[in-house]
């Protein structure tokens, strides 16, 4: 069983958590117009990589707070845990964040109020 280190409650069994899927998906702002295809990409496309992956988790049976996890999907090693709204600080997490195809999408650009 996977052990997740809740940043608020400490290490707990995976059964206490619910996975929220891929982290760092920027929602386009309503006042920024993007195409239907770009919005569909934002809404439906998700990564499922072999290797380092950035995920959102919620401690459903504990503090009920959300946090981000950098996890290796091959070994299930937890490489880093960090707060929602921040970016990974360690090398593997930074590399996964910067190399994500999401950084160049229309939805990502539309998430910034310009």
N, C-alpha and C. Protein backbone atom coordinates (compact mmCIF):
# COMPACT_ATOMS: atom_id res chain seq x y z
N UNK A 1 0.85 -1.18 0.00
CA UNK A 1 0.00 0.00 0.00
C UNK A 1 0.89 1.24 0.00
N UNK A 2 0.47 2.24 -0.72
CA UNK A 2 1.19 3.50 -0.83
C UNK A 2 1.03 4.31 0.45
N UNK A 3 2.11 4.87 0.92
CA UNK A 3 2.09 5.79 2.07
C UNK A 3 2.26 7.21 1.53
N UNK A 4 1.33 8.07 1.84
CA UNK A 4 1.41 9.47 1.40
C UNK A 4 1.73 10.35 2.59
N UNK A 5 2.70 11.24 2.43
CA UNK A 5 3.02 12.16 3.52
C UNK A 5 2.17 13.42 3.45
N UNK A 6 1.06 13.45 4.16
CA UNK A 6 0.23 14.65 4.20
C UNK A 6 1.07 15.76 4.84
N UNK A 7 1.17 16.93 4.19
CA UNK A 7 1.99 18.00 4.76
C UNK A 7 1.39 18.59 6.04
N UNK A 8 0.15 18.25 6.34
CA UNK A 8 -0.52 18.79 7.52
C UNK A 8 -0.67 17.76 8.64
N UNK A 9 -0.82 16.47 8.27
CA UNK A 9 -1.10 15.42 9.26
C UNK A 9 0.03 14.39 9.39
N UNK A 10 0.99 14.40 8.47
CA UNK A 10 2.06 13.42 8.50
C UNK A 10 1.73 12.22 7.61
N UNK A 11 2.58 11.19 7.63
CA UNK A 11 2.39 10.03 6.76
C UNK A 11 1.13 9.24 7.11
N UNK A 12 0.38 8.87 6.07
CA UNK A 12 -0.85 8.10 6.25
C UNK A 12 -0.98 7.10 5.09
N UNK A 13 -1.84 6.09 5.28
CA UNK A 13 -2.11 5.11 4.23
C UNK A 13 -2.88 5.75 3.08
N UNK A 14 -2.67 5.22 1.91
CA UNK A 14 -3.33 5.72 0.69
C UNK A 14 -4.85 5.72 0.81
N UNK A 15 -5.40 4.81 1.58
CA UNK A 15 -6.85 4.70 1.73
C UNK A 15 -7.50 5.97 2.28
N UNK A 16 -6.73 6.80 2.98
CA UNK A 16 -7.27 8.04 3.55
C UNK A 16 -7.35 9.18 2.54
N UNK A 17 -6.81 8.97 1.35
CA UNK A 17 -6.68 10.05 0.37
C UNK A 17 -7.53 9.78 -0.87
N UNK A 18 -7.81 10.84 -1.59
CA UNK A 18 -8.40 10.70 -2.92
C UNK A 18 -7.53 11.48 -3.90
N UNK A 19 -7.28 10.87 -5.04
CA UNK A 19 -6.43 11.49 -6.05
C UNK A 19 -7.27 12.42 -6.90
N UNK A 20 -6.78 13.61 -7.11
CA UNK A 20 -7.48 14.60 -7.93
C UNK A 20 -6.94 14.70 -9.33
N UNK A 21 -6.06 13.78 -9.71
CA UNK A 21 -5.54 13.77 -11.07
C UNK A 21 -4.35 14.68 -11.26
N UNK A 22 -4.13 15.05 -12.48
CA UNK A 22 -2.97 15.84 -12.88
C UNK A 22 -2.99 17.23 -12.24
N UNK A 23 -1.84 17.66 -11.77
CA UNK A 23 -1.71 18.99 -11.16
C UNK A 23 -1.30 20.02 -12.21
N UNK A 24 -1.47 21.27 -11.88
CA UNK A 24 -1.02 22.41 -12.69
C UNK A 24 -1.71 22.49 -14.04
N UNK A 25 -3.01 22.28 -14.05
CA UNK A 25 -3.80 22.50 -15.26
C UNK A 25 -4.46 23.86 -15.09
N UNK A 26 -4.05 24.82 -15.90
CA UNK A 26 -4.55 26.18 -15.77
C UNK A 26 -5.90 26.33 -16.45
N UNK A 27 -6.84 26.89 -15.73
CA UNK A 27 -8.18 27.12 -16.27
C UNK A 27 -8.20 28.46 -17.02
N UNK A 28 -8.67 28.45 -18.26
CA UNK A 28 -8.75 29.72 -19.00
C UNK A 28 -9.72 30.68 -18.33
N UNK A 29 -9.38 31.93 -18.27
CA UNK A 29 -10.26 32.95 -17.70
C UNK A 29 -11.42 33.22 -18.66
N UNK A 30 -12.57 33.55 -18.12
CA UNK A 30 -13.77 33.76 -18.93
C UNK A 30 -13.62 34.90 -19.92
N UNK A 31 -12.84 35.92 -19.55
CA UNK A 31 -12.70 37.07 -20.45
C UNK A 31 -11.68 36.84 -21.55
N UNK A 32 -10.98 35.72 -21.55
CA UNK A 32 -10.04 35.38 -22.61
C UNK A 32 -10.66 34.34 -23.52
N UNK A 33 -10.72 34.64 -24.78
CA UNK A 33 -11.36 33.74 -25.74
C UNK A 33 -10.35 32.74 -26.29
N UNK A 34 -10.72 31.46 -26.27
CA UNK A 34 -9.92 30.43 -26.93
C UNK A 34 -10.86 29.61 -27.80
N UNK A 35 -10.29 28.88 -28.74
CA UNK A 35 -11.11 28.09 -29.67
C UNK A 35 -11.77 26.92 -28.93
N UNK A 36 -12.79 26.38 -29.56
CA UNK A 36 -13.45 25.20 -28.99
C UNK A 36 -12.48 24.03 -28.88
N UNK A 37 -11.61 23.89 -29.88
CA UNK A 37 -10.63 22.79 -29.85
C UNK A 37 -9.66 22.96 -28.68
N UNK A 38 -9.20 24.19 -28.46
CA UNK A 38 -8.28 24.45 -27.34
C UNK A 38 -8.98 24.25 -26.00
N UNK A 39 -10.25 24.63 -25.90
CA UNK A 39 -10.98 24.42 -24.66
C UNK A 39 -11.23 22.93 -24.43
N UNK A 40 -11.51 22.20 -25.50
CA UNK A 40 -11.68 20.74 -25.39
C UNK A 40 -10.40 20.07 -24.94
N UNK A 41 -9.26 20.55 -25.43
CA UNK A 41 -7.96 20.03 -25.00
C UNK A 41 -7.76 20.26 -23.50
N UNK A 42 -8.07 21.48 -23.03
CA UNK A 42 -7.97 21.78 -21.61
C UNK A 42 -8.89 20.88 -20.79
N UNK A 43 -10.10 20.69 -21.26
CA UNK A 43 -11.12 19.98 -20.50
C UNK A 43 -10.92 18.47 -20.45
N UNK A 44 -10.48 17.87 -21.55
CA UNK A 44 -10.49 16.42 -21.63
C UNK A 44 -9.13 15.73 -21.66
N UNK A 45 -8.09 16.37 -22.15
CA UNK A 45 -6.80 15.69 -22.28
C UNK A 45 -6.03 15.69 -20.97
N UNK A 46 -5.59 14.51 -20.56
CA UNK A 46 -4.79 14.35 -19.35
C UNK A 46 -3.60 13.46 -19.64
N UNK A 47 -2.51 13.72 -18.97
CA UNK A 47 -1.31 12.90 -19.12
C UNK A 47 -1.43 11.62 -18.31
N UNK A 48 -0.74 10.59 -18.77
CA UNK A 48 -0.63 9.34 -18.04
C UNK A 48 0.77 8.80 -18.31
N UNK A 49 1.80 9.51 -17.82
CA UNK A 49 3.17 9.17 -18.21
C UNK A 49 3.75 7.99 -17.43
N UNK A 50 4.79 7.45 -18.00
CA UNK A 50 5.61 6.47 -17.30
C UNK A 50 6.81 7.25 -16.78
N UNK A 51 6.86 7.46 -15.48
CA UNK A 51 7.93 8.25 -14.88
C UNK A 51 7.40 9.29 -13.92
N UNK A 52 8.08 10.39 -13.83
CA UNK A 52 7.74 11.44 -12.87
C UNK A 52 6.46 12.16 -13.32
N UNK A 53 5.52 12.32 -12.37
CA UNK A 53 4.23 12.91 -12.67
C UNK A 53 3.81 13.81 -11.52
N UNK A 54 3.17 14.93 -11.85
CA UNK A 54 2.69 15.88 -10.85
C UNK A 54 1.20 15.66 -10.64
N UNK A 55 0.81 15.37 -9.39
CA UNK A 55 -0.57 15.02 -9.08
C UNK A 55 -1.13 15.89 -7.96
N UNK A 56 -2.46 15.98 -7.93
CA UNK A 56 -3.17 16.63 -6.82
C UNK A 56 -3.77 15.53 -5.95
N UNK A 57 -3.68 15.69 -4.64
CA UNK A 57 -4.26 14.73 -3.71
C UNK A 57 -5.01 15.49 -2.62
N UNK A 58 -6.05 14.84 -2.08
CA UNK A 58 -6.82 15.42 -0.96
C UNK A 58 -6.85 14.40 0.17
N UNK A 59 -6.57 14.86 1.37
CA UNK A 59 -6.62 13.99 2.54
C UNK A 59 -8.09 13.89 2.97
N UNK A 60 -8.83 13.03 2.28
CA UNK A 60 -10.28 12.94 2.43
C UNK A 60 -10.72 12.47 3.81
N UNK A 61 -9.97 11.57 4.43
CA UNK A 61 -10.35 11.04 5.75
C UNK A 61 -9.57 11.68 6.88
N UNK A 62 -8.94 12.79 6.60
CA UNK A 62 -8.15 13.49 7.62
C UNK A 62 -8.49 14.97 7.63
N UNK A 63 -7.52 15.78 7.30
CA UNK A 63 -7.69 17.23 7.36
C UNK A 63 -8.50 17.80 6.20
N UNK A 64 -8.76 16.99 5.18
CA UNK A 64 -9.53 17.36 3.99
C UNK A 64 -8.87 18.44 3.13
N UNK A 65 -7.59 18.64 3.30
CA UNK A 65 -6.89 19.66 2.53
C UNK A 65 -6.25 19.07 1.28
N UNK A 66 -6.13 19.90 0.27
CA UNK A 66 -5.50 19.53 -0.99
C UNK A 66 -4.02 19.85 -0.95
N UNK A 67 -3.22 19.08 -1.67
CA UNK A 67 -1.80 19.35 -1.82
C UNK A 67 -1.32 18.66 -3.10
N UNK A 68 -0.13 19.01 -3.55
CA UNK A 68 0.45 18.43 -4.76
C UNK A 68 1.53 17.42 -4.39
N UNK A 69 1.70 16.43 -5.25
CA UNK A 69 2.69 15.38 -5.04
C UNK A 69 3.45 15.17 -6.34
N UNK A 70 4.77 15.03 -6.23
CA UNK A 70 5.60 14.58 -7.35
C UNK A 70 5.84 13.10 -7.10
N UNK A 71 5.33 12.25 -8.03
CA UNK A 71 5.40 10.81 -7.83
C UNK A 71 5.94 10.14 -9.08
N UNK A 72 6.78 9.13 -8.88
CA UNK A 72 7.26 8.31 -9.98
C UNK A 72 6.23 7.21 -10.20
N UNK A 73 5.62 7.17 -11.38
CA UNK A 73 4.55 6.21 -11.64
C UNK A 73 5.06 4.79 -11.85
N UNK A 74 6.36 4.63 -12.02
CA UNK A 74 6.93 3.28 -12.18
C UNK A 74 7.19 2.66 -10.82
N UNK A 75 7.89 3.39 -9.95
CA UNK A 75 8.26 2.86 -8.64
C UNK A 75 7.29 3.27 -7.53
N UNK A 76 6.41 4.21 -7.80
CA UNK A 76 5.47 4.79 -6.84
C UNK A 76 6.18 5.56 -5.73
N UNK A 77 7.44 5.91 -5.93
CA UNK A 77 8.16 6.73 -4.95
C UNK A 77 7.60 8.14 -4.94
N UNK A 78 7.39 8.66 -3.74
CA UNK A 78 6.97 10.05 -3.57
C UNK A 78 8.25 10.88 -3.50
N UNK A 79 8.44 11.75 -4.48
CA UNK A 79 9.67 12.53 -4.57
C UNK A 79 9.56 13.88 -3.87
N UNK A 80 8.34 14.41 -3.80
CA UNK A 80 8.15 15.72 -3.18
C UNK A 80 6.66 15.95 -2.91
N UNK A 81 6.38 16.66 -1.85
CA UNK A 81 5.02 17.10 -1.52
C UNK A 81 5.10 18.60 -1.32
N UNK A 82 4.15 19.34 -1.92
CA UNK A 82 4.18 20.79 -1.80
C UNK A 82 2.76 21.35 -1.86
N UNK A 83 2.62 22.56 -1.41
CA UNK A 83 1.30 23.20 -1.26
C UNK A 83 0.66 23.53 -2.60
N UNK A 84 -0.66 23.53 -2.60
CA UNK A 84 -1.42 23.98 -3.77
C UNK A 84 -1.04 25.44 -4.05
N UNK A 85 -0.99 25.78 -5.31
CA UNK A 85 -0.66 27.15 -5.68
C UNK A 85 0.82 27.42 -5.81
N UNK A 86 1.65 26.47 -5.42
CA UNK A 86 3.10 26.64 -5.59
C UNK A 86 3.60 25.62 -6.59
N UNK A 87 4.85 25.77 -6.99
CA UNK A 87 5.46 24.87 -7.96
C UNK A 87 6.47 23.97 -7.25
N UNK A 88 6.80 22.84 -7.86
CA UNK A 88 7.79 21.95 -7.24
C UNK A 88 9.14 22.64 -7.12
N UNK A 89 9.89 22.29 -6.06
CA UNK A 89 11.18 22.92 -5.81
C UNK A 89 12.36 22.02 -6.14
N UNK A 90 12.15 20.72 -6.11
CA UNK A 90 13.25 19.79 -6.38
C UNK A 90 13.41 19.57 -7.88
N UNK A 91 14.57 19.11 -8.26
CA UNK A 91 14.94 19.00 -9.67
C UNK A 91 13.97 18.16 -10.49
N UNK A 92 13.60 16.97 -10.02
CA UNK A 92 12.71 16.09 -10.79
C UNK A 92 11.36 16.74 -11.01
N UNK A 93 10.81 17.38 -9.99
CA UNK A 93 9.52 18.05 -10.11
C UNK A 93 9.57 19.25 -11.03
N UNK A 94 10.64 20.04 -10.91
CA UNK A 94 10.80 21.20 -11.79
C UNK A 94 10.89 20.77 -13.25
N UNK A 95 11.66 19.71 -13.48
CA UNK A 95 11.83 19.21 -14.85
C UNK A 95 10.49 18.74 -15.42
N UNK A 96 9.72 17.99 -14.64
CA UNK A 96 8.41 17.51 -15.09
C UNK A 96 7.47 18.69 -15.37
N UNK A 97 7.51 19.70 -14.50
CA UNK A 97 6.65 20.88 -14.70
C UNK A 97 7.04 21.61 -15.98
N UNK A 98 8.32 21.90 -16.15
CA UNK A 98 8.78 22.67 -17.31
C UNK A 98 8.65 21.92 -18.62
N UNK A 99 8.75 20.59 -18.59
CA UNK A 99 8.67 19.80 -19.82
C UNK A 99 7.24 19.41 -20.19
N UNK A 100 6.27 19.78 -19.39
CA UNK A 100 4.89 19.43 -19.68
C UNK A 100 4.39 20.17 -20.91
N UNK A 101 3.69 19.45 -21.79
CA UNK A 101 3.14 20.06 -22.99
C UNK A 101 2.12 21.14 -22.64
N UNK A 102 1.61 21.14 -21.42
CA UNK A 102 0.60 22.13 -21.01
C UNK A 102 1.16 23.55 -20.97
N UNK A 103 2.44 23.70 -20.76
CA UNK A 103 3.03 25.04 -20.65
C UNK A 103 2.89 25.83 -21.94
N UNK A 104 2.63 25.15 -23.08
CA UNK A 104 2.55 25.85 -24.37
C UNK A 104 1.15 25.87 -24.96
N UNK A 105 0.13 25.50 -24.18
CA UNK A 105 -1.23 25.44 -24.72
C UNK A 105 -1.92 26.81 -24.70
N UNK A 106 -2.95 26.92 -25.52
CA UNK A 106 -3.76 28.14 -25.56
C UNK A 106 -4.46 28.35 -24.22
N UNK A 107 -4.87 27.26 -23.57
CA UNK A 107 -5.55 27.37 -22.26
C UNK A 107 -4.60 27.96 -21.23
N UNK A 108 -3.35 27.55 -21.25
CA UNK A 108 -2.36 28.08 -20.31
C UNK A 108 -2.18 29.59 -20.54
N UNK A 109 -2.08 30.00 -21.79
CA UNK A 109 -1.92 31.42 -22.10
C UNK A 109 -3.18 32.21 -21.70
N UNK A 110 -4.35 31.61 -21.89
CA UNK A 110 -5.61 32.28 -21.57
C UNK A 110 -5.87 32.31 -20.06
N UNK A 111 -5.09 31.56 -19.28
CA UNK A 111 -5.28 31.56 -17.83
C UNK A 111 -4.62 32.78 -17.18
N UNK A 112 -3.81 33.45 -17.95
CA UNK A 112 -3.13 34.66 -17.45
C UNK A 112 -3.90 35.86 -17.95
N UNK A 113 -4.30 36.73 -17.05
CA UNK A 113 -5.06 37.92 -17.44
C UNK A 113 -4.12 38.93 -18.08
N UNK A 114 -4.23 39.09 -19.39
CA UNK A 114 -3.32 39.98 -20.12
C UNK A 114 -4.04 41.23 -20.56
